[in-house]
Amino acid sequence: MTPQATRLLIGLAGLMGAAGVALAAASAHGTEASRLATASSMLLFHATAILATTALLARGLLHGGIGLIAAFGFVIAATLFAGDLTLRQYAGHSLFPYAAPTGGTLMILSWLAVSVAAAVRK
């Protein structure tokens, strides 16, 4: 993995973590804000997953290409999922039809990709 990809993933994980904390605060202080709590959790969990995947890639413990796809999959998936829930909360409509389920499916596929990246030889 290139240093640029590593820095990009770490930076994106940091932004996701910050957004996750902000959404957690908003959900704690808002009424009818359960969507924000769910969005917060997905961002925080997957920010951590991105950092862990990046560290495993740097140590050579995951297949590089597959692991990189998994890490960027986490970014896209959690952003779609949390973005859709947040937009529903504040704007009253979705990002696009099936955005949250698409993000959720991509999260599952990204986790499976981590498993494959651990099993496949370089």
PDB file of N, CA and C in Angstrom:
ATOM      1  N   MET A   1       0.851  -1.171   0.000  1.00  0.00           N
ATOM      2  CA  MET A   1       0.000   0.000   0.000  1.00  0.00           C
ATOM      3  C   MET A   1       0.898   1.235   0.000  1.00  0.00           C
ATOM      4  N   THR A   2       0.525   2.212  -0.794  1.00  0.00           N
ATOM      5  CA  THR A   2       1.334   3.420  -0.897  1.00  0.00           C
ATOM      6  C   THR A   2       1.158   4.293   0.340  1.00  0.00           C
ATOM      7  N   PRO A   3       2.176   5.112   0.629  1.00  0.00           N
ATOM      8  CA  PRO A   3       2.020   6.039   1.763  1.00  0.00           C
ATOM      9  C   PRO A   3       0.848   6.998   1.570  1.00  0.00           C
ATOM     10  N   GLN A   4       0.561   7.374   0.329  1.00  0.00           N
ATOM     11  CA  GLN A   4      -0.560   8.286   0.064  1.00  0.00           C
ATOM     12  C   GLN A   4      -1.893   7.616   0.404  1.00  0.00           C
ATOM     13  N   ALA A   5      -2.048   6.351   0.024  1.00  0.00           N
ATOM     14  CA  ALA A   5      -3.284   5.627   0.346  1.00  0.00           C
ATOM     15  C   ALA A   5      -3.420   5.455   1.854  1.00  0.00           C
ATOM     16  N   THR A   6      -2.300   5.165   2.508  1.00  0.00           N
ATOM     17  CA  THR A   6      -2.323   5.009   3.967  1.00  0.00           C
ATOM     18  C   THR A   6      -2.766   6.302   4.635  1.00  0.00           C
ATOM     19  N   ARG A   7      -2.163   7.421   4.232  1.00  0.00           N
ATOM     20  CA  ARG A   7      -2.532   8.714   4.832  1.00  0.00           C
ATOM     21  C   ARG A   7      -3.983   9.073   4.531  1.00  0.00           C
ATOM     22  N   LEU A   8      -4.428   8.775   3.306  1.00  0.00           N
ATOM     23  CA  LEU A   8      -5.814   9.071   2.941  1.00  0.00           C
ATOM     24  C   LEU A   8      -6.786   8.271   3.806  1.00  0.00           C
ATOM     25  N   LEU A   9      -6.528   6.991   3.957  1.00  0.00           N
ATOM     26  CA  LEU A   9      -7.411   6.163   4.789  1.00  0.00           C
ATOM     27  C   LEU A   9      -7.409   6.617   6.243  1.00  0.00           C
ATOM     28  N   ILE A  10      -6.249   6.941   6.778  1.00  0.00           N
ATOM     29  CA  ILE A  10      -6.181   7.424   8.162  1.00  0.00           C
ATOM     30  C   ILE A  10      -6.931   8.741   8.304  1.00  0.00           C
ATOM     31  N   GLY A  11      -6.762   9.637   7.338  1.00  0.00           N
ATOM     32  CA  GLY A  11      -7.478  10.917   7.372  1.00  0.00           C
ATOM     33  C   GLY A  11      -8.983  10.734   7.288  1.00  0.00           C
ATOM     34  N   LEU A  12      -9.421   9.847   6.402  1.00  0.00           N
ATOM     35  CA  LEU A  12     -10.857   9.583   6.283  1.00  0.00           C
ATOM     36  C   LEU A  12     -11.409   8.948   7.553  1.00  0.00           C
ATOM     37  N   ALA A  13     -10.644   8.046   8.152  1.00  0.00           N
ATOM     38  CA  ALA A  13     -11.073   7.435   9.419  1.00  0.00           C
ATOM     39  C   ALA A  13     -11.210   8.496  10.502  1.00  0.00           C
ATOM     40  N   GLY A  14     -10.292   9.436  10.536  1.00  0.00           N
ATOM     41  CA  GLY A  14     -10.385  10.526  11.514  1.00  0.00           C
ATOM     42  C   GLY A  14     -11.632  11.378  11.314  1.00  0.00           C
ATOM     43  N   LEU A  15     -11.933  11.693  10.053  1.00  0.00           N
ATOM     44  CA  LEU A  15     -13.149  12.469   9.766  1.00  0.00           C
ATOM     45  C   LEU A  15     -14.404  11.691  10.145  1.00  0.00           C
ATOM     46  N   MET A  16     -14.391  10.388   9.854  1.00  0.00           N
ATOM     47  CA  MET A  16     -15.538   9.558  10.217  1.00  0.00           C
ATOM     48  C   MET A  16     -15.697   9.479  11.732  1.00  0.00           C
ATOM     49  N   GLY A  17     -14.589   9.361  12.441  1.00  0.00           N
ATOM     50  CA  GLY A  17     -14.648   9.333  13.896  1.00  0.00           C
ATOM     51  C   GLY A  17     -15.207  10.622  14.468  1.00  0.00           C
ATOM     52  N   ALA A  18     -14.731  11.744  13.936  1.00  0.00           N
ATOM     53  CA  ALA A  18     -15.223  13.048  14.404  1.00  0.00           C
ATOM     54  C   ALA A  18     -16.718  13.196  14.119  1.00  0.00           C
ATOM     55  N   ALA A  19     -17.143  12.801  12.921  1.00  0.00           N
ATOM     56  CA  ALA A  19     -18.565  12.879  12.579  1.00  0.00           C
ATOM     57  C   ALA A  19     -19.383  11.940  13.468  1.00  0.00           C
ATOM     58  N   GLY A  20     -18.824  10.784  13.786  1.00  0.00           N
ATOM     59  CA  GLY A  20     -19.513   9.842  14.661  1.00  0.00           C
ATOM     60  C   GLY A  20     -19.748  10.405  16.048  1.00  0.00           C
ATOM     61  N   VAL A  21     -18.742  11.081  16.580  1.00  0.00           N
ATOM     62  CA  VAL A  21     -18.893  11.702  17.904  1.00  0.00           C
ATOM     63  C   VAL A  21     -19.901  12.841  17.845  1.00  0.00           C
ATOM     64  N   ALA A  22     -19.848  13.643  16.786  1.00  0.00           N
ATOM     65  CA  ALA A  22     -20.799  14.745  16.642  1.00  0.00           C
ATOM     66  C   ALA A  22     -22.235  14.219  16.542  1.00  0.00           C
ATOM     67  N   LEU A  23     -22.423  13.150  15.793  1.00  0.00           N
ATOM     68  CA  LEU A  23     -23.763  12.574  15.682  1.00  0.00           C
ATOM     69  C   LEU A  23     -24.222  11.947  16.998  1.00  0.00           C
ATOM     70  N   ALA A  24     -23.288  11.383  17.754  1.00  0.00           N
ATOM     71  CA  ALA A  24     -23.646  10.845  19.069  1.00  0.00           C
ATOM     72  C   ALA A  24     -24.144  11.963  19.980  1.00  0.00           C
ATOM     73  N   ALA A  25     -23.464  13.102  19.942  1.00  0.00           N
ATOM     74  CA  ALA A  25     -23.893  14.247  20.750  1.00  0.00           C
ATOM     75  C   ALA A  25     -25.254  14.742  20.281  1.00  0.00           C
ATOM     76  N   ALA A  26     -25.446  14.833  18.978  1.00  0.00           N
ATOM     77  CA  ALA A  26     -26.731  15.294  18.443  1.00  0.00           C
ATOM     78  C   ALA A  26     -27.856  14.335  18.832  1.00  0.00           C
ATOM     79  N   SER A  27     -27.558  13.038  18.802  1.00  0.00           N
ATOM     80  CA  SER A  27     -28.607  12.074  19.163  1.00  0.00           C
ATOM     81  C   SER A  27     -28.941  12.135  20.644  1.00  0.00           C
ATOM     82  N   ALA A  28     -27.955  12.474  21.466  1.00  0.00           N
ATOM     83  CA  ALA A  28     -28.196  12.552  22.910  1.00  0.00           C
ATOM     84  C   ALA A  28     -29.015  13.781  23.287  1.00  0.00           C
ATOM     85  N   HIS A  29     -28.944  14.814  22.454  1.00  0.00           N
ATOM     86  CA  HIS A  29     -29.619  16.067  22.800  1.00  0.00           C
ATOM     87  C   HIS A  29     -30.846  16.344  21.946  1.00  0.00           C
ATOM     88  N   GLY A  30     -31.095  15.503  20.962  1.00  0.00           N
ATOM     89  CA  GLY A  30     -32.238  15.728  20.086  1.00  0.00           C
ATOM     90  C   GLY A  30     -33.402  14.832  20.446  1.00  0.00           C
ATOM     91  N   THR A  31     -34.557  15.233  19.994  1.00  0.00           N
ATOM     92  CA  THR A  31     -35.734  14.396  20.190  1.00  0.00           C
ATOM     93  C   THR A  31     -35.917  13.533  18.947  1.00  0.00           C
ATOM     94  N   GLU A  32     -36.392  12.305  19.173  1.00  0.00           N
ATOM     95  CA  GLU A  32     -36.615  11.397  18.054  1.00  0.00           C
ATOM     96  C   GLU A  32     -35.365  11.257  17.183  1.00  0.00           C
ATOM     97  N   ALA A  33     -34.212  11.084  17.820  1.00  0.00           N
ATOM     98  CA  ALA A  33     -32.943  11.085  17.092  1.00  0.00           C
ATOM     99  C   ALA A  33     -32.271   9.717  17.080  1.00  0.00           C
ATOM    100  N   SER A  34     -33.046   8.653  17.112  1.00  0.00           N
ATOM    101  CA  SER A  34     -32.437   7.315  17.135  1.00  0.00           C
ATOM    102  C   SER A  34     -31.661   7.021  15.856  1.00  0.00           C
ATOM    103  N   ARG A  35     -32.086   7.610  14.737  1.00  0.00           N
ATOM    104  CA  ARG A  35     -31.335   7.420  13.490  1.00  0.00           C
ATOM    105  C   ARG A  35     -29.910   7.946  13.630  1.00  0.00           C
ATOM    106  N   LEU A  36     -29.761   9.057  14.344  1.00  0.00           N
ATOM    107  CA  LEU A  36     -28.431   9.644  14.507  1.00  0.00           C
ATOM    108  C   LEU A  36     -27.540   8.755  15.366  1.00  0.00           C
ATOM    109  N   ALA A  37     -28.106   8.105  16.359  1.00  0.00           N
ATOM    110  CA  ALA A  37     -27.321   7.184  17.189  1.00  0.00           C
ATOM    111  C   ALA A  37     -26.818   6.015  16.353  1.00  0.00           C
ATOM    112  N   THR A  38     -27.680   5.493  15.488  1.00  0.00           N
ATOM    113  CA  THR A  38     -27.275   4.393  14.611  1.00  0.00           C
ATOM    114  C   THR A  38     -26.209   4.852  13.632  1.00  0.00           C
ATOM    115  N   ALA A  39     -26.385   6.026  13.044  1.00  0.00           N
ATOM    116  CA  ALA A  39     -25.394   6.581  12.118  1.00  0.00           C
ATOM    117  C   ALA A  39     -24.057   6.783  12.829  1.00  0.00           C
ATOM    118  N   SER A  40     -24.114   7.292  14.047  1.00  0.00           N
ATOM    119  CA  SER A  40     -22.905   7.499  14.845  1.00  0.00           C
ATOM    120  C   SER A  40     -22.162   6.195  15.063  1.00  0.00           C
ATOM    121  N   SER A  41     -22.881   5.167  15.454  1.00  0.00           N
ATOM    122  CA  SER A  41     -22.260   3.866  15.713  1.00  0.00           C
ATOM    123  C   SER A  41     -21.568   3.321  14.471  1.00  0.00           C
ATOM    124  N   MET A  42     -22.233   3.399  13.342  1.00  0.00           N
ATOM    125  CA  MET A  42     -21.641   2.863  12.106  1.00  0.00           C
ATOM    126  C   MET A  42     -20.375   3.622  11.733  1.00  0.00           C
ATOM    127  N   LEU A  43     -20.384   4.932  11.899  1.00  0.00           N
ATOM    128  CA  LEU A  43     -19.182   5.713  11.593  1.00  0.00           C
ATOM    129  C   LEU A  43     -18.044   5.379  12.544  1.00  0.00           C
ATOM    130  N   LEU A  44     -18.350   5.313  13.828  1.00  0.00           N
ATOM    131  CA  LEU A  44     -17.297   5.037  14.811  1.00  0.00           C
ATOM    132  C   LEU A  44     -16.738   3.622  14.662  1.00  0.00           C
ATOM    133  N   PHE A  45     -17.601   2.637  14.498  1.00  0.00           N
ATOM    134  CA  PHE A  45     -17.126   1.256  14.334  1.00  0.00           C
ATOM    135  C   PHE A  45     -16.258   1.111  13.098  1.00  0.00           C
ATOM    136  N   HIS A  46     -16.707   1.718  12.009  1.00  0.00           N
ATOM    137  CA  HIS A  46     -15.986   1.517  10.758  1.00  0.00           C
ATOM    138  C   HIS A  46     -14.756   2.415  10.637  1.00  0.00           C
ATOM    139  N   ALA A  47     -14.727   3.535  11.347  1.00  0.00           N
ATOM    140  CA  ALA A  47     -13.486   4.313  11.411  1.00  0.00           C
ATOM    141  C   ALA A  47     -12.400   3.465  12.077  1.00  0.00           C
ATOM    142  N   THR A  48     -12.770   2.781  13.128  1.00  0.00           N
ATOM    143  CA  THR A  48     -11.837   1.891  13.817  1.00  0.00           C
ATOM    144  C   THR A  48     -11.437   0.726  12.912  1.00  0.00           C
ATOM    145  N   ALA A  49     -12.386   0.187  12.168  1.00  0.00           N
ATOM    146  CA  ALA A  49     -12.083  -0.913  11.244  1.00  0.00           C
ATOM    147  C   ALA A  49     -11.112  -0.464  10.157  1.00  0.00           C
ATOM    148  N   ILE A  50     -11.264   0.752   9.688  1.00  0.00           N
ATOM    149  CA  ILE A  50     -10.349   1.284   8.674  1.00  0.00           C
ATOM    150  C   ILE A  50      -8.938   1.392   9.247  1.00  0.00           C
ATOM    151  N   LEU A  51      -8.824   1.913  10.462  1.00  0.00           N
ATOM    152  CA  LEU A  51      -7.501   2.025  11.088  1.00  0.00           C
ATOM    153  C   LEU A  51      -6.871   0.658  11.285  1.00  0.00           C
ATOM    154  N   ALA A  52      -7.660  -0.308  11.729  1.00  0.00           N
ATOM    155  CA  ALA A  52      -7.135  -1.660  11.948  1.00  0.00           C
ATOM    156  C   ALA A  52      -6.727  -2.305  10.623  1.00  0.00           C
ATOM    157  N   THR A  53      -7.557  -2.165   9.618  1.00  0.00           N
ATOM    158  CA  THR A  53      -7.241  -2.739   8.309  1.00  0.00           C
ATOM    159  C   THR A  53      -5.976  -2.105   7.741  1.00  0.00           C
ATOM    160  N   THR A  54      -5.854  -0.803   7.883  1.00  0.00           N
ATOM    161  CA  THR A  54      -4.667  -0.097   7.407  1.00  0.00           C
ATOM    162  C   THR A  54      -3.411  -0.597   8.129  1.00  0.00           C
ATOM    163  N   ALA A  55      -3.513  -0.789   9.434  1.00  0.00           N
ATOM    164  CA  ALA A  55      -2.368  -1.296  10.201  1.00  0.00           C
ATOM    165  C   ALA A  55      -2.006  -2.717   9.775  1.00  0.00           C
ATOM    166  N   LEU A  56      -3.008  -3.551   9.554  1.00  0.00           N
ATOM    167  CA  LEU A  56      -2.749  -4.923   9.111  1.00  0.00           C
ATOM    168  C   LEU A  56      -2.128  -4.946   7.712  1.00  0.00           C
ATOM    169  N   LEU A  57      -2.585  -4.053   6.853  1.00  0.00           N
ATOM    170  CA  LEU A  57      -1.987  -3.952   5.524  1.00  0.00           C
ATOM    171  C   LEU A  57      -0.526  -3.521   5.615  1.00  0.00           C
ATOM    172  N   ALA A  58      -0.260  -2.540   6.458  1.00  0.00           N
ATOM    173  CA  ALA A  58       1.113  -2.039   6.616  1.00  0.00           C
ATOM    174  C   ALA A  58       2.053  -3.117   7.146  1.00  0.00           C
ATOM    175  N   ARG A  59       1.538  -4.021   7.935  1.00  0.00           N
ATOM    176  CA  ARG A  59       2.358  -5.110   8.487  1.00  0.00           C
ATOM    177  C   ARG A  59       2.431  -6.312   7.551  1.00  0.00           C
ATOM    178  N   GLY A  60       1.729  -6.233   6.431  1.00  0.00           N
ATOM    179  CA  GLY A  60       1.759  -7.322   5.472  1.00  0.00           C
ATOM    180  C   GLY A  60       0.930  -8.523   5.874  1.00  0.00           C
ATOM    181  N   LEU A  61      -0.030  -8.319   6.759  1.00  0.00           N
ATOM    182  CA  LEU A  61      -0.847  -9.427   7.248  1.00  0.00           C
ATOM    183  C   LEU A  61      -2.118  -9.651   6.435  1.00  0.00           C
ATOM    184  N   LEU A  62      -2.381  -8.756   5.504  1.00  0.00           N
ATOM    185  CA  LEU A  62      -3.525  -8.899   4.610  1.00  0.00           C
ATOM    186  C   LEU A  62      -3.046  -8.806   3.169  1.00  0.00           C
ATOM    187  N   HIS A  63      -3.744  -9.469   2.268  1.00  0.00           N
ATOM    188  CA  HIS A  63      -3.473  -9.316   0.840  1.00  0.00           C
ATOM    189  C   HIS A  63      -3.701  -7.844   0.497  1.00  0.00           C
ATOM    190  N   GLY A  64      -2.701  -7.221  -0.097  1.00  0.00           N
ATOM    191  CA  GLY A  64      -2.731  -5.775  -0.328  1.00  0.00           C
ATOM    192  C   GLY A  64      -3.928  -5.271  -1.104  1.00  0.00           C
ATOM    193  N   GLY A  65      -4.179  -5.835  -2.273  1.00  0.00           N
ATOM    194  CA  GLY A  65      -5.272  -5.346  -3.101  1.00  0.00           C
ATOM    195  C   GLY A  65      -6.634  -5.564  -2.476  1.00  0.00           C
ATOM    196  N   ILE A  66      -6.838  -6.756  -1.941  1.00  0.00           N
ATOM    197  CA  ILE A  66      -8.136  -7.081  -1.342  1.00  0.00           C
ATOM    198  C   ILE A  66      -8.340  -6.270  -0.060  1.00  0.00           C
ATOM    199  N   GLY A  67      -7.301  -6.146   0.733  1.00  0.00           N
ATOM    200  CA  GLY A  67      -7.399  -5.357   1.964  1.00  0.00           C
ATOM    201  C   GLY A  67      -7.685  -3.895   1.687  1.00  0.00           C
ATOM    202  N   LEU A  68      -7.070  -3.373   0.641  1.00  0.00           N
ATOM    203  CA  LEU A  68      -7.307  -1.984   0.265  1.00  0.00           C
ATOM    204  C   LEU A  68      -8.747  -1.782  -0.192  1.00  0.00           C
ATOM    205  N   ILE A  69      -9.270  -2.722  -0.948  1.00  0.00           N
ATOM    206  CA  ILE A  69     -10.675  -2.661  -1.369  1.00  0.00           C
ATOM    207  C   ILE A  69     -11.583  -2.689  -0.138  1.00  0.00           C
ATOM    208  N   ALA A  70     -11.258  -3.538   0.831  1.00  0.00           N
ATOM    209  CA  ALA A  70     -12.065  -3.612   2.059  1.00  0.00           C
ATOM    210  C   ALA A  70     -12.041  -2.285   2.805  1.00  0.00           C
ATOM    211  N   ALA A  71     -10.859  -1.698   2.963  1.00  0.00           N
ATOM    212  CA  ALA A  71     -10.742  -0.442   3.713  1.00  0.00           C
ATOM    213  C   ALA A  71     -11.529   0.685   3.046  1.00  0.00           C
ATOM    214  N   PHE A  72     -11.370   0.831   1.732  1.00  0.00           N
ATOM    215  CA  PHE A  72     -12.127   1.876   1.042  1.00  0.00           C
ATOM    216  C   PHE A  72     -13.613   1.521   0.985  1.00  0.00           C
ATOM    217  N   GLY A  73     -13.926   0.228   0.972  1.00  0.00           N
ATOM    218  CA  GLY A  73     -15.325  -0.193   1.054  1.00  0.00           C
ATOM    219  C   GLY A  73     -15.963   0.261   2.357  1.00  0.00           C
ATOM    220  N   PHE A  74     -15.213   0.155   3.458  1.00  0.00           N
ATOM    221  CA  PHE A  74     -15.720   0.639   4.748  1.00  0.00           C
ATOM    222  C   PHE A  74     -16.035   2.130   4.687  1.00  0.00           C
ATOM    223  N   VAL A  75     -15.143   2.894   4.062  1.00  0.00           N
ATOM    224  CA  VAL A  75     -15.348   4.347   3.955  1.00  0.00           C
ATOM    225  C   VAL A  75     -16.643   4.641   3.196  1.00  0.00           C
ATOM    226  N   ILE A  76     -16.755   4.054   2.021  1.00  0.00           N
ATOM    227  CA  ILE A  76     -17.927   4.314   1.175  1.00  0.00           C
ATOM    228  C   ILE A  76     -19.197   3.817   1.852  1.00  0.00           C
ATOM    229  N   ALA A  77     -19.151   2.614   2.395  1.00  0.00           N
ATOM    230  CA  ALA A  77     -20.336   2.001   2.999  1.00  0.00           C
ATOM    231  C   ALA A  77     -20.848   2.787   4.198  1.00  0.00           C
ATOM    232  N   ALA A  78     -19.964   3.109   5.125  1.00  0.00           N
ATOM    233  CA  ALA A  78     -20.393   3.823   6.328  1.00  0.00           C
ATOM    234  C   ALA A  78     -20.866   5.233   5.981  1.00  0.00           C
ATOM    235  N   THR A  79     -20.230   5.853   4.987  1.00  0.00           N
ATOM    236  CA  THR A  79     -20.654   7.187   4.561  1.00  0.00           C
ATOM    237  C   THR A  79     -22.052   7.144   3.948  1.00  0.00           C
ATOM    238  N   LEU A  80     -22.298   6.164   3.103  1.00  0.00           N
ATOM    239  CA  LEU A  80     -23.639   6.013   2.523  1.00  0.00           C
ATOM    240  C   LEU A  80     -24.685   5.773   3.606  1.00  0.00           C
ATOM    241  N   PHE A  81     -24.394   4.822   4.480  1.00  0.00           N
ATOM    242  CA  PHE A  81     -25.337   4.443   5.521  1.00  0.00           C
ATOM    243  C   PHE A  81     -25.621   5.621   6.456  1.00  0.00           C
ATOM    244  N   ALA A  82     -24.572   6.183   7.023  1.00  0.00           N
ATOM    245  CA  ALA A  82     -24.749   7.278   7.982  1.00  0.00           C
ATOM    246  C   ALA A  82     -25.278   8.541   7.305  1.00  0.00           C
ATOM    247  N   GLY A  83     -24.814   8.794   6.095  1.00  0.00           N
ATOM    248  CA  GLY A  83     -25.296   9.967   5.371  1.00  0.00           C
ATOM    249  C   GLY A  83     -26.785   9.892   5.101  1.00  0.00           C
ATOM    250  N   ASP A  84     -27.246   8.724   4.717  1.00  0.00           N
ATOM    251  CA  ASP A  84     -28.671   8.552   4.460  1.00  0.00           C
ATOM    252  C   ASP A  84     -29.495   8.757   5.728  1.00  0.00           C
ATOM    253  N   LEU A  85     -29.072   8.131   6.832  1.00  0.00           N
ATOM    254  CA  LEU A  85     -29.820   8.288   8.082  1.00  0.00           C
ATOM    255  C   LEU A  85     -29.810   9.734   8.575  1.00  0.00           C
ATOM    256  N   THR A  86     -28.680  10.398   8.427  1.00  0.00           N
ATOM    257  CA  THR A  86     -28.570  11.795   8.875  1.00  0.00           C
ATOM    258  C   THR A  86     -29.441  12.705   8.022  1.00  0.00           C
ATOM    259  N   LEU A  87     -29.417  12.497   6.719  1.00  0.00           N
ATOM    260  CA  LEU A  87     -30.252  13.308   5.831  1.00  0.00           C
ATOM    261  C   LEU A  87     -31.733  13.075   6.116  1.00  0.00           C
ATOM    262  N   ARG A  88     -32.106  11.836   6.390  1.00  0.00           N
ATOM    263  CA  ARG A  88     -33.500  11.545   6.747  1.00  0.00           C
ATOM    264  C   ARG A  88     -33.896  12.298   8.017  1.00  0.00           C
ATOM    265  N   GLN A  89     -32.973  12.351   8.977  1.00  0.00           N
ATOM    266  CA  GLN A  89     -33.257  13.022  10.249  1.00  0.00           C
ATOM    267  C   GLN A  89     -33.441  14.524  10.053  1.00  0.00           C
ATOM    268  N   TYR A  90     -32.532  15.143   9.315  1.00  0.00           N
ATOM    269  CA  TYR A  90     -32.541  16.608   9.217  1.00  0.00           C
ATOM    270  C   TYR A  90     -33.322  17.158   8.034  1.00  0.00           C
ATOM    271  N   ALA A  91     -33.363  16.436   6.918  1.00  0.00           N
ATOM    272  CA  ALA A  91     -34.036  16.957   5.728  1.00  0.00           C
ATOM    273  C   ALA A  91     -35.364  16.257   5.441  1.00  0.00           C
ATOM    274  N   GLY A  92     -35.594  15.112   6.080  1.00  0.00           N
ATOM    275  CA  GLY A  92     -36.848  14.406   5.885  1.00  0.00           C
ATOM    276  C   GLY A  92     -36.917  13.555   4.629  1.00  0.00           C
ATOM    277  N   HIS A  93     -35.781  13.375   3.963  1.00  0.00           N
ATOM    278  CA  HIS A  93     -35.768  12.500   2.787  1.00  0.00           C
ATOM    279  C   HIS A  93     -34.431  11.767   2.729  1.00  0.00           C
ATOM    280  N   SER A  94     -34.399  10.728   1.906  1.00  0.00           N
ATOM    281  CA  SER A  94     -33.184   9.914   1.830  1.00  0.00           C
ATOM    282  C   SER A  94     -32.179  10.507   0.843  1.00  0.00           C
ATOM    283  N   LEU A  95     -30.977  10.010   0.932  1.00  0.00           N
ATOM    284  CA  LEU A  95     -29.906  10.408   0.014  1.00  0.00           C
ATOM    285  C   LEU A  95     -30.288  10.012  -1.409  1.00  0.00           C
ATOM    286  N   PHE A  96     -30.680   8.770  -1.581  1.00  0.00           N
ATOM    287  CA  PHE A  96     -31.259   8.229  -2.802  1.00  0.00           C
ATOM    288  C   PHE A  96     -31.943   6.926  -2.404  1.00  0.00           C
ATOM    289  N   PRO A  97     -32.829   6.399  -3.234  1.00  0.00           N
ATOM    290  CA  PRO A  97     -33.528   5.167  -2.833  1.00  0.00           C
ATOM    291  C   PRO A  97     -32.540   4.038  -2.501  1.00  0.00           C
ATOM    292  N   TYR A  98     -32.763   3.416  -1.379  1.00  0.00           N
ATOM    293  CA  TYR A  98     -31.968   2.275  -0.906  1.00  0.00           C
ATOM    294  C   TYR A  98     -30.517   2.634  -0.568  1.00  0.00           C
ATOM    295  N   ALA A  99     -30.253   3.875  -0.241  1.00  0.00           N
ATOM    296  CA  ALA A  99     -28.876   4.269   0.099  1.00  0.00           C
ATOM    297  C   ALA A  99     -28.396   3.549   1.361  1.00  0.00           C
ATOM    298  N   ALA A 100     -29.203   3.543   2.413  1.00  0.00           N
ATOM    299  CA  ALA A 100     -28.780   2.880   3.662  1.00  0.00           C
ATOM    300  C   ALA A 100     -28.608   1.376   3.470  1.00  0.00           C
ATOM    301  N   PRO A 101     -29.554   0.683   2.826  1.00  0.00           N
ATOM    302  CA  PRO A 101     -29.334  -0.748   2.610  1.00  0.00           C
ATOM    303  C   PRO A 101     -28.133  -1.032   1.699  1.00  0.00           C
ATOM    304  N   THR A 102     -27.888  -0.156   0.743  1.00  0.00           N
ATOM    305  CA  THR A 102     -26.712  -0.321  -0.113  1.00  0.00           C
ATOM    306  C   THR A 102     -25.446  -0.192   0.725  1.00  0.00           C
ATOM    307  N   GLY A 103     -25.413   0.813   1.595  1.00  0.00           N
ATOM    308  CA  GLY A 103     -24.266   0.977   2.494  1.00  0.00           C
ATOM    309  C   GLY A 103     -24.111  -0.212   3.420  1.00  0.00           C
ATOM    310  N   GLY A 104     -25.212  -0.707   3.960  1.00  0.00           N
ATOM    311  CA  GLY A 104     -25.153  -1.862   4.852  1.00  0.00           C
ATOM    312  C   GLY A 104     -24.639  -3.104   4.146  1.00  0.00           C
ATOM    313  N   THR A 105     -25.103  -3.321   2.926  1.00  0.00           N
ATOM    314  CA  THR A 105     -24.632  -4.467   2.148  1.00  0.00           C
ATOM    315  C   THR A 105     -23.142  -4.335   1.852  1.00  0.00           C
ATOM    316  N   LEU A 106     -22.714  -3.129   1.511  1.00  0.00           N
ATOM    317  CA  LEU A 106     -21.294  -2.902   1.242  1.00  0.00           C
ATOM    318  C   LEU A 106     -20.448  -3.089   2.507  1.00  0.00           C
ATOM    319  N   MET A 107     -20.997  -2.758   3.664  1.00  0.00           N
ATOM    320  CA  MET A 107     -20.282  -3.019   4.921  1.00  0.00           C
ATOM    321  C   MET A 107     -20.049  -4.514   5.092  1.00  0.00           C
ATOM    322  N   ILE A 108     -21.096  -5.295   4.871  1.00  0.00           N
ATOM    323  CA  ILE A 108     -20.967  -6.750   4.991  1.00  0.00           C
ATOM    324  C   ILE A 108     -19.928  -7.272   4.018  1.00  0.00           C
ATOM    325  N   LEU A 109     -19.997  -6.817   2.777  1.00  0.00           N
ATOM    326  CA  LEU A 109     -19.030  -7.267   1.768  1.00  0.00           C
ATOM    327  C   LEU A 109     -17.604  -6.854   2.123  1.00  0.00           C
ATOM    328  N   SER A 110     -17.447  -5.679   2.708  1.00  0.00           N
ATOM    329  CA  SER A 110     -16.118  -5.222   3.110  1.00  0.00           C
ATOM    330  C   SER A 110     -15.558  -6.081   4.236  1.00  0.00           C
ATOM    331  N   TRP A 111     -16.411  -6.457   5.191  1.00  0.00           N
ATOM    332  CA  TRP A 111     -15.964  -7.354   6.258  1.00  0.00           C
ATOM    333  C   TRP A 111     -15.567  -8.708   5.684  1.00  0.00           C
ATOM    334  N   LEU A 112     -16.338  -9.201   4.732  1.00  0.00           N
ATOM    335  CA  LEU A 112     -15.988 -10.468   4.083  1.00  0.00           C
ATOM    336  C   LEU A 112     -14.670 -10.329   3.314  1.00  0.00           C
ATOM    337  N   ALA A 113     -14.453  -9.169   2.707  1.00  0.00           N
ATOM    338  CA  ALA A 113     -13.196  -8.932   1.989  1.00  0.00           C
ATOM    339  C   ALA A 113     -12.005  -8.963   2.947  1.00  0.00           C
ATOM    340  N   VAL A 114     -12.175  -8.467   4.164  1.00  0.00           N
ATOM    341  CA  VAL A 114     -11.099  -8.555   5.158  1.00  0.00           C
ATOM    342  C   VAL A 114     -10.776 -10.027   5.425  1.00  0.00           C
ATOM    343  N   SER A 115     -11.809 -10.846   5.567  1.00  0.00           N
ATOM    344  CA  SER A 115     -11.593 -12.269   5.794  1.00  0.00           C
ATOM    345  C   SER A 115     -10.843 -12.910   4.630  1.00  0.00           C
ATOM    346  N   VAL A 116     -11.252 -12.581   3.426  1.00  0.00           N
ATOM    347  CA  VAL A 116     -10.580 -13.130   2.238  1.00  0.00           C
ATOM    348  C   VAL A 116      -9.148 -12.620   2.176  1.00  0.00           C
ATOM    349  N   ALA A 117      -8.937 -11.338   2.484  1.00  0.00           N
ATOM    350  CA  ALA A 117      -7.591 -10.762   2.443  1.00  0.00           C
ATOM    351  C   ALA A 117      -6.659 -11.438   3.443  1.00  0.00           C
ATOM    352  N   ALA A 118      -7.213 -11.925   4.535  1.00  0.00           N
ATOM    353  CA  ALA A 118      -6.398 -12.636   5.517  1.00  0.00           C
ATOM    354  C   ALA A 118      -6.066 -14.062   5.067  1.00  0.00           C
ATOM    355  N   ALA A 119      -6.973 -14.637   4.271  1.00  0.00           N
ATOM    356  CA  ALA A 119      -6.803 -16.035   3.864  1.00  0.00           C
ATOM    357  C   ALA A 119      -5.987 -16.206   2.590  1.00  0.00           C
ATOM    358  N   VAL A 120      -6.044 -15.213   1.716  1.00  0.00           N
ATOM    359  CA  VAL A 120      -5.391 -15.328   0.409  1.00  0.00           C
ATOM    360  C   VAL A 120      -3.911 -14.992   0.529  1.00  0.00           C
ATOM    361  N   ARG A 121      -3.114 -15.794  -0.118  1.00  0.00           N
ATOM    362  CA  ARG A 121      -1.676 -15.518  -0.124  1.00  0.00           C
ATOM    363  C   ARG A 121      -1.375 -14.344  -1.031  1.00  0.00           C
ATOM    364  N   LYS A 122      -0.306 -13.661  -0.713  1.00  0.00           N
ATOM    365  CA  LYS A 122       0.101 -12.510  -1.513  1.00  0.00           C
ATOM    366  C   LYS A 122       0.636 -12.949  -2.851  1.00  0.00           C
TER     367      LYS A 122
END
